[in-house]
C-alpha atoms as a PDB file:
ATOM      1  CA  UNK A   1      10.267   7.584  -9.379  1.00  0.00           C
ATOM      2  CA  UNK A   2       9.399   4.034  -8.310  1.00  0.00           C
ATOM      3  CA  UNK A   3      11.138   1.414 -10.657  1.00  0.00           C
ATOM      4  CA  UNK A   4      10.199  -2.412 -11.030  1.00  0.00           C
ATOM      5  CA  UNK A   5      13.473  -3.230  -8.748  1.00  0.00           C
ATOM      6  CA  UNK A   6      12.104  -1.621  -5.818  1.00  0.00           C
ATOM      7  CA  UNK A   7       9.917  -3.488  -3.709  1.00  0.00           C
ATOM      8  CA  UNK A   8       5.973  -3.495  -3.738  1.00  0.00           C
ATOM      9  CA  UNK A   9       3.854  -1.130  -1.557  1.00  0.00           C
ATOM     10  CA  UNK A  10       1.201  -3.231  -0.151  1.00  0.00           C
ATOM     11  CA  UNK A  11      -1.054  -0.529   0.059  1.00  0.00           C
ATOM     12  CA  UNK A  12      -1.052   0.256  -3.635  1.00  0.00           C
ATOM     13  CA  UNK A  13      -3.811  -1.840  -4.250  1.00  0.00           C
ATOM     14  CA  UNK A  14      -6.126   0.005  -1.587  1.00  0.00           C
ATOM     15  CA  UNK A  15      -5.257   3.569  -2.211  1.00  0.00           C
ATOM     16  CA  UNK A  16      -4.162   6.043  -4.833  1.00  0.00           C
ATOM     17  CA  UNK A  17      -0.323   6.468  -4.003  1.00  0.00           C
ATOM     18  CA  UNK A  18       1.741   8.340  -5.995  1.00  0.00           C
ATOM     19  CA  UNK A  19       5.490   8.470  -5.140  1.00  0.00           C
ATOM     20  CA  UNK A  20       6.883  12.067  -5.547  1.00  0.00           C
ATOM     21  CA  UNK A  21      10.337  11.360  -4.410  1.00  0.00           C
ATOM     22  CA  UNK A  22      12.988   8.370  -3.396  1.00  0.00           C
ATOM     23  CA  UNK A  23      16.468   9.495  -2.814  1.00  0.00           C
ATOM     24  CA  UNK A  24      19.390   8.373  -0.311  1.00  0.00           C
ATOM     25  CA  UNK A  25      18.949   9.717   3.357  1.00  0.00           C
ATOM     26  CA  UNK A  26      22.204  11.482   5.231  1.00  0.00           C
ATOM     27  CA  UNK A  27      21.761   8.369   7.719  1.00  0.00           C
ATOM     28  CA  UNK A  28      23.252   5.064   7.136  1.00  0.00           C
ATOM     29  CA  UNK A  29      21.161   2.374   5.210  1.00  0.00           C
ATOM     30  CA  UNK A  30      17.880   4.634   5.143  1.00  0.00           C
ATOM     31  CA  UNK A  31      16.288   6.327   2.162  1.00  0.00           C
ATOM     32  CA  UNK A  32      13.735   9.334   2.184  1.00  0.00           C
ATOM     33  CA  UNK A  33      10.504   8.427   0.297  1.00  0.00           C
ATOM     34  CA  UNK A  34       7.731  11.228  -0.309  1.00  0.00           C
ATOM     35  CA  UNK A  35       4.307   9.843  -1.141  1.00  0.00           C
ATOM     36  CA  UNK A  36       0.928  11.473  -1.847  1.00  0.00           C
ATOM     37  CA  UNK A  37      -1.864   9.356  -0.964  1.00  0.00           C
ATOM     38  CA  UNK A  38      -5.565   9.891  -2.030  1.00  0.00           C
ATOM     39  CA  UNK A  39      -8.188   7.770   0.199  1.00  0.00           C
ATOM     40  CA  UNK A  40     -11.617   7.414  -0.999  1.00  0.00           C
ATOM     41  CA  UNK A  41     -14.592   8.234   1.241  1.00  0.00           C
ATOM     42  CA  UNK A  42     -15.309   5.211   3.568  1.00  0.00           C
ATOM     43  CA  UNK A  43     -12.217   3.416   2.785  1.00  0.00           C
ATOM     44  CA  UNK A  44      -9.396   2.301   5.102  1.00  0.00           C
ATOM     45  CA  UNK A  45      -5.721   1.974   4.651  1.00  0.00           C
ATOM     46  CA  UNK A  46      -5.743  -1.226   6.530  1.00  0.00           C
ATOM     47  CA  UNK A  47      -3.440  -1.785   9.365  1.00  0.00           C
ATOM     48  CA  UNK A  48      -0.014  -1.652   8.258  1.00  0.00           C
ATOM     49  CA  UNK A  49       3.571  -0.644   9.306  1.00  0.00           C
ATOM     50  CA  UNK A  50       6.365   0.940   7.868  1.00  0.00           C
ATOM     51  CA  UNK A  51      10.132   0.109   8.313  1.00  0.00           C
ATOM     52  CA  UNK A  52      10.847   3.783   9.536  1.00  0.00           C
ATOM     53  CA  UNK A  53       9.311   6.848  10.548  1.00  0.00           C
ATOM     54  CA  UNK A  54       6.254   8.558   8.709  1.00  0.00           C
ATOM     55  CA  UNK A  55       6.001  12.199   9.108  1.00  0.00           C
ATOM     56  CA  UNK A  56       2.708  13.462   7.097  1.00  0.00           C
ATOM     57  CA  UNK A  57       0.355  16.109   6.430  1.00  0.00           C
ATOM     58  CA  UNK A  58      -3.450  15.975   5.722  1.00  0.00           C
ATOM     59  CA  UNK A  59      -4.135  18.058   2.246  1.00  0.00           C
ATOM     60  CA  UNK A  60      -7.612  17.592   2.020  1.00  0.00           C
ATOM     61  CA  UNK A  61     -10.628  15.766   3.770  1.00  0.00           C
ATOM     62  CA  UNK A  62     -10.946  14.543   6.888  1.00  0.00           C
ATOM     63  CA  UNK A  63      -9.076  11.185   7.924  1.00  0.00           C
ATOM     64  CA  UNK A  64      -9.462   9.066  11.359  1.00  0.00           C
ATOM     65  CA  UNK A  65      -5.948   7.538  12.360  1.00  0.00           C
ATOM     66  CA  UNK A  66      -5.890   4.611  14.616  1.00  0.00           C
ATOM     67  CA  UNK A  67      -2.098   4.072  15.568  1.00  0.00           C
ATOM     68  CA  UNK A  68      -1.796   1.087  18.308  1.00  0.00           C
ATOM     69  CA  UNK A  69      -1.432   2.445  21.866  1.00  0.00           C
ATOM     70  CA  UNK A  70      -2.592   5.970  21.098  1.00  0.00           C
ATOM     71  CA  UNK A  71      -5.494   7.727  21.150  1.00  0.00           C
ATOM     72  CA  UNK A  72      -7.552   7.723  18.063  1.00  0.00           C
ATOM     73  CA  UNK A  73      -6.917  10.984  16.151  1.00  0.00           C
ATOM     74  CA  UNK A  74      -9.464  12.973  13.673  1.00  0.00           C
ATOM     75  CA  UNK A  75      -7.121  14.818  11.499  1.00  0.00           C
ATOM     76  CA  UNK A  76      -8.238  17.750   8.884  1.00  0.00           C
ATOM     77  CA  UNK A  77      -6.424  19.458   6.189  1.00  0.00           C
ATOM     78  CA  UNK A  78      -3.865  21.429   7.721  1.00  0.00           C
ATOM     79  CA  UNK A  79      -2.979  18.512  10.309  1.00  0.00           C
ATOM     80  CA  UNK A  80       0.504  16.909  10.651  1.00  0.00           C
ATOM     81  CA  UNK A  81       0.824  13.552  11.949  1.00  0.00           C
ATOM     82  CA  UNK A  82       3.852  11.190  12.791  1.00  0.00           C
ATOM     83  CA  UNK A  83       4.091   7.631  12.896  1.00  0.00           C
ATOM     84  CA  UNK A  84       7.069   5.757  14.773  1.00  0.00           C
ATOM     85  CA  UNK A  85       8.888   2.983  12.814  1.00  0.00           C
ATOM     86  CA  UNK A  86       7.018  -0.419  13.051  1.00  0.00           C
ATOM     87  CA  UNK A  87       4.011   0.859  14.761  1.00  0.00           C
ATOM     88  CA  UNK A  88       0.588  -0.507  13.469  1.00  0.00           C
ATOM     89  CA  UNK A  89      -1.866   2.252  12.325  1.00  0.00           C
ATOM     90  CA  UNK A  90      -4.869   2.521  10.135  1.00  0.00           C
ATOM     91  CA  UNK A  91      -6.241   5.686   8.363  1.00  0.00           C
ATOM     92  CA  UNK A  92     -10.170   5.994   7.596  1.00  0.00           C
ATOM     93  CA  UNK A  93     -11.403   8.679   5.187  1.00  0.00           C
ATOM     94  CA  UNK A  94     -14.573  10.175   7.019  1.00  0.00           C
ATOM     95  CA  UNK A  95     -15.611  12.504   4.172  1.00  0.00           C
ATOM     96  CA  UNK A  96     -17.074  14.586   2.792  1.00  0.00           C
ATOM     97  CA  UNK A  97     -14.816  14.511   0.143  1.00  0.00           C
ATOM     98  CA  UNK A  98     -11.607  11.622  -0.767  1.00  0.00           C
ATOM     99  CA  UNK A  99      -8.869  12.481   1.836  1.00  0.00           C
ATOM    100  CA  UNK A 100      -5.623  13.287   0.455  1.00  0.00           C
ATOM    101  CA  UNK A 101      -1.954  13.191   2.568  1.00  0.00           C
ATOM    102  CA  UNK A 102       1.367  13.795   1.922  1.00  0.00           C
ATOM    103  CA  UNK A 103       3.868  11.370   3.654  1.00  0.00           C
ATOM    104  CA  UNK A 104       7.564  11.339   3.728  1.00  0.00           C
ATOM    105  CA  UNK A 105       9.011   8.203   5.020  1.00  0.00           C
ATOM    106  CA  UNK A 106      12.796   7.739   6.755  1.00  0.00           C
ATOM    107  CA  UNK A 107      12.765   4.122   5.834  1.00  0.00           C
ATOM    108  CA  UNK A 108      15.354   0.860   5.561  1.00  0.00           C
ATOM    109  CA  UNK A 109      16.768   0.696   2.222  1.00  0.00           C
ATOM    110  CA  UNK A 110      15.297  -2.428   0.337  1.00  0.00           C
ATOM    111  CA  UNK A 111      12.402  -3.586   2.669  1.00  0.00           C
ATOM    112  CA  UNK A 112       8.984  -2.617   0.929  1.00  0.00           C
ATOM    113  CA  UNK A 113       7.680   0.897   2.353  1.00  0.00           C
ATOM    114  CA  UNK A 114       4.496  -0.657   4.014  1.00  0.00           C
ATOM    115  CA  UNK A 115       3.676  -4.246   5.184  1.00  0.00           C
ATOM    116  CA  UNK A 116      -0.308  -5.224   5.738  1.00  0.00           C
ATOM    117  CA  UNK A 117      -1.330  -6.512   8.903  1.00  0.00           C
ATOM    118  CA  UNK A 118      -4.359  -8.570  10.216  1.00  0.00           C
ATOM    119  CA  UNK A 119      -6.864  -6.357  11.643  1.00  0.00           C
ATOM    120  CA  UNK A 120      -8.835  -8.847  14.125  1.00  0.00           C
ATOM    121  CA  UNK A 121      -7.652  -7.930  17.725  1.00  0.00           C
ATOM    122  CA  UNK A 122      -6.463  -4.243  16.717  1.00  0.00           C
ATOM    123  CA  UNK A 123      -8.809  -1.509  18.734  1.00  0.00           C
ATOM    124  CA  UNK A 124      -8.837   1.802  18.384  1.00  0.00           C
ATOM    125  CA  UNK A 125      -7.456   4.042  21.603  1.00  0.00           C
END
């Protein structure tokens, strides 16, 4: 679980994020972090990046996933997704209920799990 010595998650103030697992990876300099995220209807995560891969799965709801340079995805419960390292992206819950996703990150040790980016100039694919 998260401890005070670990870097803050930039998305924690916008979304309900529950860290489920944080363990060293077999890849030197990397760790595996698993997070359950809840996104209220109409709320966006905001454009952000991660210092490694994000492999995710929609548990409930419908989420529009905007990934810079890719067509916008509409993901429903049961749909997987993959975000490459350092790729700006933004998730929006389009309802009707709270969107829920399970994400597993393979990230650089010691770096914040997420970094928020300014949204002007970003576009949906």
